[in-house]
Amino acid sequence: MILKNIFVFISGLLFGIGLILSGMTNPNKVIHFLDITRNWDPSLFFVMLGAIPTTFIGFRWLEKRNKTILGDPLHLPGKTHITKQLIIGSFLFGAGWAIIGFCPGPALVSFALGNIEALIFICTMLVGMLMHDYLFVQKEFK
């Protein structure tokens, strides 16, 4: 259990450091990346060029193992089809990301670094998650 917690801590720390070094915790950098009409900053494109193939290869490797590196069962999403809810949720996520410049992981790291704007985002994200659960999840289990 202790080894697992150490591994999880180190993984999270490396992920957070990667977000900081890539500029993903700076909402202005993200907004300038998404604004292709004026002051476009293409640097985050290179972050994606590294992240997408790494993630793809990592998931393919994990899917063959059916368990995590520490031997726990692997839980991947069961749904693979595109639904109206997925499209709407993706649009809302992208619009929010473009407006505020944060997505969940970088917002948590940014807040840990003392950015109060990130706390506002985190609070509104939690409200949105609770609203989703109230509106949709309760109906799925009845």
C-alpha atoms as a PDB file:
ATOM      1  CA  MET A   1       0.000   0.000   0.000  1.00  0.00           C
ATOM      2  CA  ILE A   2       2.801   2.437   0.860  1.00  0.00           C
ATOM      3  CA  LEU A   3       4.615   1.630  -2.397  1.00  0.00           C
ATOM      4  CA  LYS A   4       1.398   2.252  -4.320  1.00  0.00           C
ATOM      5  CA  ASN A   5       0.886   5.638  -2.637  1.00  0.00           C
ATOM      6  CA  ILE A   6       4.486   6.638  -3.361  1.00  0.00           C
ATOM      7  CA  PHE A   7       4.070   5.643  -7.007  1.00  0.00           C
ATOM      8  CA  VAL A   8       0.793   7.589  -7.272  1.00  0.00           C
ATOM      9  CA  PHE A   9       2.400  10.642  -5.640  1.00  0.00           C
ATOM     10  CA  ILE A  10       5.419  10.547  -7.968  1.00  0.00           C
ATOM     11  CA  SER A  11       3.180  10.082 -11.020  1.00  0.00           C
ATOM     12  CA  GLY A  12       1.010  13.044 -10.009  1.00  0.00           C
ATOM     13  CA  LEU A  13       4.059  15.157  -9.252  1.00  0.00           C
ATOM     14  CA  LEU A  14       5.588  14.400 -12.669  1.00  0.00           C
ATOM     15  CA  PHE A  15       2.271  15.157 -14.362  1.00  0.00           C
ATOM     16  CA  GLY A  16       1.992  18.479 -12.505  1.00  0.00           C
ATOM     17  CA  ILE A  17       5.567  19.427 -13.367  1.00  0.00           C
ATOM     18  CA  GLY A  18       4.855  18.587 -17.001  1.00  0.00           C
ATOM     19  CA  LEU A  19       1.788  20.829 -16.965  1.00  0.00           C
ATOM     20  CA  ILE A  20       3.821  23.683 -15.486  1.00  0.00           C
ATOM     21  CA  LEU A  21       6.742  23.292 -17.910  1.00  0.00           C
ATOM     22  CA  SER A  22       4.434  23.028 -20.930  1.00  0.00           C
ATOM     23  CA  GLY A  23       2.544  26.199 -19.973  1.00  0.00           C
ATOM     24  CA  MET A  24      -0.807  24.448 -19.525  1.00  0.00           C
ATOM     25  CA  THR A  25      -1.247  26.052 -16.077  1.00  0.00           C
ATOM     26  CA  ASN A  26      -1.055  29.539 -17.597  1.00  0.00           C
ATOM     27  CA  PRO A  27      -4.582  30.410 -18.793  1.00  0.00           C
ATOM     28  CA  ASN A  28      -3.283  33.226 -21.026  1.00  0.00           C
ATOM     29  CA  LYS A  29      -1.044  30.789 -22.900  1.00  0.00           C
ATOM     30  CA  VAL A  30      -3.989  28.431 -23.423  1.00  0.00           C
ATOM     31  CA  ILE A  31      -6.296  31.244 -24.573  1.00  0.00           C
ATOM     32  CA  HIS A  32      -3.652  32.496 -27.044  1.00  0.00           C
ATOM     33  CA  PHE A  33      -3.260  28.940 -28.341  1.00  0.00           C
ATOM     34  CA  LEU A  34      -7.001  28.710 -28.964  1.00  0.00           C
ATOM     35  CA  ASP A  35      -7.221  32.189 -30.535  1.00  0.00           C
ATOM     36  CA  ILE A  36      -6.074  31.445 -34.081  1.00  0.00           C
ATOM     37  CA  THR A  37      -7.362  34.759 -35.438  1.00  0.00           C
ATOM     38  CA  ARG A  38      -5.154  37.204 -33.509  1.00  0.00           C
ATOM     39  CA  ASN A  39      -2.203  36.419 -31.233  1.00  0.00           C
ATOM     40  CA  TRP A  40      -1.920  32.690 -31.884  1.00  0.00           C
ATOM     41  CA  ASP A  41       0.665  30.897 -29.736  1.00  0.00           C
ATOM     42  CA  PRO A  42       1.386  27.510 -31.379  1.00  0.00           C
ATOM     43  CA  SER A  43       3.598  26.205 -28.549  1.00  0.00           C
ATOM     44  CA  LEU A  44       0.855  24.042 -27.006  1.00  0.00           C
ATOM     45  CA  PHE A  45       0.476  22.325 -30.377  1.00  0.00           C
ATOM     46  CA  PHE A  46       3.894  20.793 -29.754  1.00  0.00           C
ATOM     47  CA  VAL A  47       2.751  19.652 -26.323  1.00  0.00           C
ATOM     48  CA  MET A  48      -0.122  17.811 -28.009  1.00  0.00           C
ATOM     49  CA  LEU A  49       2.231  16.333 -30.607  1.00  0.00           C
ATOM     50  CA  GLY A  50       4.110  14.695 -27.762  1.00  0.00           C
ATOM     51  CA  ALA A  51       1.135  13.827 -25.576  1.00  0.00           C
ATOM     52  CA  ILE A  52      -1.188  12.204 -28.114  1.00  0.00           C
ATOM     53  CA  PRO A  53       1.180   9.480 -29.396  1.00  0.00           C
ATOM     54  CA  THR A  54       2.479   8.814 -25.876  1.00  0.00           C
ATOM     55  CA  THR A  55      -1.061   8.383 -24.564  1.00  0.00           C
ATOM     56  CA  PHE A  56      -2.093   6.243 -27.540  1.00  0.00           C
ATOM     57  CA  ILE A  57       0.853   3.878 -27.084  1.00  0.00           C
ATOM     58  CA  GLY A  58       0.352   3.769 -23.306  1.00  0.00           C
ATOM     59  CA  PHE A  59      -3.341   2.892 -23.569  1.00  0.00           C
ATOM     60  CA  ARG A  60      -2.694   0.177 -26.172  1.00  0.00           C
ATOM     61  CA  TRP A  61      -0.069  -1.355 -23.884  1.00  0.00           C
ATOM     62  CA  LEU A  62      -2.394  -1.215 -20.861  1.00  0.00           C
ATOM     63  CA  GLU A  63      -5.331  -2.673 -22.783  1.00  0.00           C
ATOM     64  CA  LYS A  64      -3.246  -5.757 -23.608  1.00  0.00           C
ATOM     65  CA  ARG A  65      -2.347  -6.196 -19.921  1.00  0.00           C
ATOM     66  CA  ASN A  66      -5.881  -5.602 -18.546  1.00  0.00           C
ATOM     67  CA  LYS A  67      -4.276  -4.297 -15.348  1.00  0.00           C
ATOM     68  CA  THR A  68      -2.306  -1.308 -14.142  1.00  0.00           C
ATOM     69  CA  ILE A  69       1.446  -1.275 -13.655  1.00  0.00           C
ATOM     70  CA  LEU A  70       0.878  -2.011  -9.954  1.00  0.00           C
ATOM     71  CA  GLY A  71      -1.370  -4.985 -10.782  1.00  0.00           C
ATOM     72  CA  ASP A  72      -4.756  -3.410  -9.995  1.00  0.00           C
ATOM     73  CA  PRO A  73      -7.668  -4.095 -12.370  1.00  0.00           C
ATOM     74  CA  LEU A  74      -7.832  -1.636 -15.255  1.00  0.00           C
ATOM     75  CA  HIS A  75     -11.089   0.335 -15.491  1.00  0.00           C
ATOM     76  CA  LEU A  76     -11.608   1.953 -18.897  1.00  0.00           C
ATOM     77  CA  PRO A  77     -14.827   3.565 -20.139  1.00  0.00           C
ATOM     78  CA  GLY A  78     -17.261   1.008 -21.488  1.00  0.00           C
ATOM     79  CA  LYS A  79     -19.045   3.329 -23.887  1.00  0.00           C
ATOM     80  CA  THR A  80     -17.414   3.761 -27.273  1.00  0.00           C
ATOM     81  CA  HIS A  81     -20.225   5.332 -29.308  1.00  0.00           C
ATOM     82  CA  ILE A  82     -20.862   9.018 -29.926  1.00  0.00           C
ATOM     83  CA  THR A  83     -24.051  10.342 -28.330  1.00  0.00           C
ATOM     84  CA  LYS A  84     -25.823  13.674 -28.202  1.00  0.00           C
ATOM     85  CA  GLN A  85     -24.764  14.045 -24.560  1.00  0.00           C
ATOM     86  CA  LEU A  86     -21.102  13.467 -25.495  1.00  0.00           C
ATOM     87  CA  ILE A  87     -21.239  16.105 -28.233  1.00  0.00           C
ATOM     88  CA  ILE A  88     -22.951  18.660 -25.969  1.00  0.00           C
ATOM     89  CA  GLY A  89     -20.558  17.930 -23.101  1.00  0.00           C
ATOM     90  CA  SER A  90     -17.537  18.212 -25.393  1.00  0.00           C
ATOM     91  CA  PHE A  91     -18.780  21.521 -26.745  1.00  0.00           C
ATOM     92  CA  LEU A  92     -19.349  22.897 -23.235  1.00  0.00           C
ATOM     93  CA  PHE A  93     -15.934  21.681 -22.076  1.00  0.00           C
ATOM     94  CA  GLY A  94     -14.199  23.245 -25.094  1.00  0.00           C
ATOM     95  CA  ALA A  95     -16.097  26.511 -24.788  1.00  0.00           C
ATOM     96  CA  GLY A  96     -15.268  26.764 -21.086  1.00  0.00           C
ATOM     97  CA  TRP A  97     -11.625  25.955 -21.796  1.00  0.00           C
ATOM     98  CA  ALA A  98     -11.469  28.663 -24.464  1.00  0.00           C
ATOM     99  CA  ILE A  99     -13.136  31.271 -22.250  1.00  0.00           C
ATOM    100  CA  ILE A 100     -11.247  30.725 -18.988  1.00  0.00           C
ATOM    101  CA  GLY A 101      -8.076  28.944 -20.189  1.00  0.00           C
ATOM    102  CA  PHE A 102      -8.249  26.094 -17.673  1.00  0.00           C
ATOM    103  CA  CYS A 103      -9.171  22.451 -17.793  1.00  0.00           C
ATOM    104  CA  PRO A 104      -9.359  20.335 -14.599  1.00  0.00           C
ATOM    105  CA  GLY A 105      -5.781  19.071 -14.201  1.00  0.00           C
ATOM    106  CA  PRO A 106      -3.996  22.337 -14.950  1.00  0.00           C
ATOM    107  CA  ALA A 107      -6.509  24.238 -12.785  1.00  0.00           C
ATOM    108  CA  LEU A 108      -5.673  22.075  -9.761  1.00  0.00           C
ATOM    109  CA  VAL A 109      -1.938  22.543 -10.325  1.00  0.00           C
ATOM    110  CA  SER A 110      -2.385  26.279 -10.868  1.00  0.00           C
ATOM    111  CA  PHE A 111      -4.402  26.574  -7.658  1.00  0.00           C
ATOM    112  CA  ALA A 112      -1.684  24.669  -5.780  1.00  0.00           C
ATOM    113  CA  LEU A 113       0.735  27.317  -7.083  1.00  0.00           C
ATOM    114  CA  GLY A 114      -1.447  30.061  -5.578  1.00  0.00           C
ATOM    115  CA  ASN A 115      -3.638  31.144  -8.498  1.00  0.00           C
ATOM    116  CA  ILE A 116      -6.987  32.221  -6.992  1.00  0.00           C
ATOM    117  CA  GLU A 117      -8.648  32.361 -10.440  1.00  0.00           C
ATOM    118  CA  ALA A 118      -8.098  28.624 -10.611  1.00  0.00           C
ATOM    119  CA  LEU A 119     -10.096  28.215  -7.383  1.00  0.00           C
ATOM    120  CA  ILE A 120     -13.038  30.012  -8.985  1.00  0.00           C
ATOM    121  CA  PHE A 121     -12.816  27.625 -11.941  1.00  0.00           C
ATOM    122  CA  ILE A 122     -12.577  24.592  -9.640  1.00  0.00           C
ATOM    123  CA  CYS A 123     -15.652  25.681  -7.668  1.00  0.00           C
ATOM    124  CA  THR A 124     -17.717  26.252 -10.806  1.00  0.00           C
ATOM    125  CA  MET A 125     -16.482  22.929 -12.219  1.00  0.00           C
ATOM    126  CA  LEU A 126     -17.687  21.164  -9.059  1.00  0.00           C
ATOM    127  CA  VAL A 127     -21.070  22.898  -9.322  1.00  0.00           C
ATOM    128  CA  GLY A 128     -21.320  21.729 -12.938  1.00  0.00           C
ATOM    129  CA  MET A 129     -20.459  18.160 -11.930  1.00  0.00           C
ATOM    130  CA  LEU A 130     -23.095  18.198  -9.201  1.00  0.00           C
ATOM    131  CA  MET A 131     -25.670  19.604 -11.640  1.00  0.00           C
ATOM    132  CA  HIS A 132     -24.837  16.848 -14.117  1.00  0.00           C
ATOM    133  CA  ASP A 133     -25.266  14.180 -11.464  1.00  0.00           C
ATOM    134  CA  TYR A 134     -28.534  15.693 -10.278  1.00  0.00           C
ATOM    135  CA  LEU A 135     -29.969  16.010 -13.795  1.00  0.00           C
ATOM    136  CA  PHE A 136     -28.675  12.859 -15.444  1.00  0.00           C
ATOM    137  CA  VAL A 137     -27.108  10.251 -13.169  1.00  0.00           C
ATOM    138  CA  GLN A 138     -30.070   9.883 -10.813  1.00  0.00           C
ATOM    139  CA  LYS A 139     -32.331   9.165 -13.812  1.00  0.00           C
ATOM    140  CA  GLU A 140     -29.957   6.464 -15.152  1.00  0.00           C
ATOM    141  CA  PHE A 141     -30.154   4.420 -11.952  1.00  0.00           C
ATOM    142  CA  LYS A 142     -33.927   4.542 -11.415  1.00  0.00           C
END
